[in-house]
Amino acid sequence: MARCYSREVLDLIADKWTALIFALLEKQPTRFNELQRAIEGISHKMLTQTLRNLERRGIVERTITPTIPPAVEYSLSPLGTTLIPLMAALRQWAEEHMETVEQALQAYEEKEEKADY
């Protein structure tokens, strides 16, 4: 079976935590604790897993400064920066269309509710 590269990329960037991390790293390199404070609801474990996944795939770079304690900073890699226009387009689409999406969801749920009676 052939690999589906588009599916693999969507799995990588469509994750809600990835999108939030990306939005912060797009602005500037950021330390782990700063990321955790800025992303409401993300656990230490999930942030670690997501950052490692992005680092493994070359989207994020991890820089360790040899201080006591060591300072660890994350930034977008050159490959990661190529995603900036795509992620910006997704954010713009969401901002322009989420109200319509919510209205469609509400209409669907109302229709389903009436069908249940």
Protein backbone atom coordinates (compact mmCIF):
# COMPACT_ATOMS: atom_id res chain seq x y z
CA MET A 1 0.00 0.00 0.00
CA ALA A 2 1.39 3.40 -0.99
CA ARG A 3 2.00 6.06 1.65
CA CYS A 4 -0.39 8.97 1.70
CA TYR A 5 1.87 11.94 2.33
CA SER A 6 -0.95 14.47 2.46
CA ARG A 7 -2.66 12.47 5.21
CA GLU A 8 0.57 12.27 7.20
CA VAL A 9 1.06 16.04 6.95
CA LEU A 10 -2.55 16.72 7.92
CA ASP A 11 -2.22 14.40 10.91
CA LEU A 12 0.83 16.38 11.93
CA ILE A 13 -0.45 19.95 11.54
CA ALA A 14 -4.18 19.51 12.13
CA ASP A 15 -3.74 18.55 15.78
CA LYS A 16 -5.15 21.29 18.03
CA TRP A 17 -2.04 21.44 20.20
CA THR A 18 0.24 21.65 17.16
CA ALA A 19 -1.71 24.61 15.80
CA LEU A 20 -1.49 26.47 19.12
CA ILE A 21 2.21 25.71 19.57
CA PHE A 22 2.88 26.74 15.98
CA ALA A 23 1.10 30.07 16.45
CA LEU A 24 3.37 30.90 19.38
CA LEU A 25 6.61 29.71 17.79
CA GLU A 26 5.78 31.57 14.61
CA LYS A 27 6.20 34.81 16.56
CA GLN A 28 9.45 33.98 18.36
CA PRO A 29 11.50 31.19 19.93
CA THR A 30 9.88 30.21 23.21
CA ARG A 31 10.86 28.27 26.32
CA PHE A 32 8.89 25.20 27.41
CA ASN A 33 7.35 26.80 30.50
CA GLU A 34 6.32 29.87 28.53
CA LEU A 35 4.57 27.63 26.02
CA GLN A 36 2.79 25.75 28.79
CA ARG A 37 1.61 28.97 30.44
CA ALA A 38 0.42 30.41 27.13
CA ILE A 39 -1.54 27.33 26.00
CA GLU A 40 -4.55 26.92 28.24
CA GLY A 41 -5.42 23.32 29.04
CA ILE A 42 -2.30 21.59 27.73
CA SER A 43 -0.66 19.18 30.14
CA HIS A 44 3.09 18.91 30.63
CA LYS A 45 2.98 15.43 29.07
CA MET A 46 0.99 16.52 26.00
CA LEU A 47 3.21 19.54 25.39
CA THR A 48 6.30 17.34 25.64
CA GLN A 49 4.85 14.74 23.26
CA THR A 50 3.73 17.32 20.72
CA LEU A 51 7.06 19.17 20.74
CA ARG A 52 8.99 15.91 20.36
CA ASN A 53 6.77 14.86 17.47
CA LEU A 54 7.34 18.19 15.72
CA GLU A 55 11.08 18.04 16.41
CA ARG A 56 11.32 14.46 15.06
CA ARG A 57 9.69 15.58 11.83
CA GLY A 58 11.91 18.61 11.43
CA ILE A 59 9.24 21.26 12.03
CA VAL A 60 10.60 22.49 15.36
CA GLU A 61 14.15 22.90 16.61
CA ARG A 62 15.14 22.50 20.25
CA THR A 63 18.06 24.56 21.53
CA ILE A 64 19.66 23.89 24.90
CA THR A 65 21.69 26.66 26.53
CA PRO A 66 24.19 25.21 29.01
CA THR A 67 23.18 27.19 32.09
CA ILE A 68 22.16 25.94 35.52
CA PRO A 69 19.46 24.81 35.13
CA PRO A 70 19.72 24.32 31.37
CA ALA A 71 17.50 26.65 29.34
CA VAL A 72 15.58 24.86 26.60
CA GLU A 73 14.06 26.95 23.83
CA TYR A 74 11.91 25.87 20.91
CA SER A 75 11.68 27.56 17.53
CA LEU A 76 10.41 26.81 14.06
CA SER A 77 12.99 25.16 11.86
CA PRO A 78 13.58 26.36 8.30
CA LEU A 79 11.16 23.61 7.21
CA GLY A 80 8.66 24.74 9.85
CA THR A 81 8.75 28.31 8.58
CA THR A 82 7.58 27.07 5.17
CA LEU A 83 4.28 26.19 6.89
CA ILE A 84 3.64 29.78 8.03
CA PRO A 85 1.57 30.76 4.95
CA LEU A 86 -0.47 27.55 5.15
CA MET A 87 -1.18 27.93 8.86
CA ALA A 88 -2.05 31.61 8.33
CA ALA A 89 -4.50 30.63 5.59
CA LEU A 90 -6.13 28.07 7.91
CA ARG A 91 -6.48 30.66 10.69
CA GLN A 92 -7.96 33.18 8.25
CA TRP A 93 -10.44 30.61 6.95
CA ALA A 94 -11.48 29.77 10.51
CA GLU A 95 -11.96 33.41 11.43
CA GLU A 96 -14.02 34.06 8.30
CA HIS A 97 -16.17 30.92 8.39
CA MET A 98 -16.54 29.64 11.96
CA GLU A 99 -19.79 31.51 12.51
CA THR A 100 -21.24 29.80 9.43
CA VAL A 101 -19.91 26.44 10.60
CA GLU A 102 -21.50 26.96 14.03
CA GLN A 103 -24.82 27.92 12.41
CA ALA A 104 -24.73 24.78 10.27
CA LEU A 105 -24.00 22.66 13.33
CA GLN A 106 -26.86 24.22 15.25
CA ALA A 107 -29.27 23.73 12.31
CA TYR A 108 -28.17 20.09 11.98
CA GLU A 109 -28.64 19.42 15.69
CA GLU A 110 -32.09 21.03 15.64
CA LYS A 111 -33.06 18.89 12.65
CA GLU A 112 -31.80 15.75 14.39
CA GLU A 113 -33.64 16.68 17.57
CA LYS A 114 -36.93 17.04 15.66
CA ALA A 115 -36.34 13.70 13.92
CA ASP A 116 -35.94 11.99 17.29
CA TYR A 117 -39.50 12.90 18.35
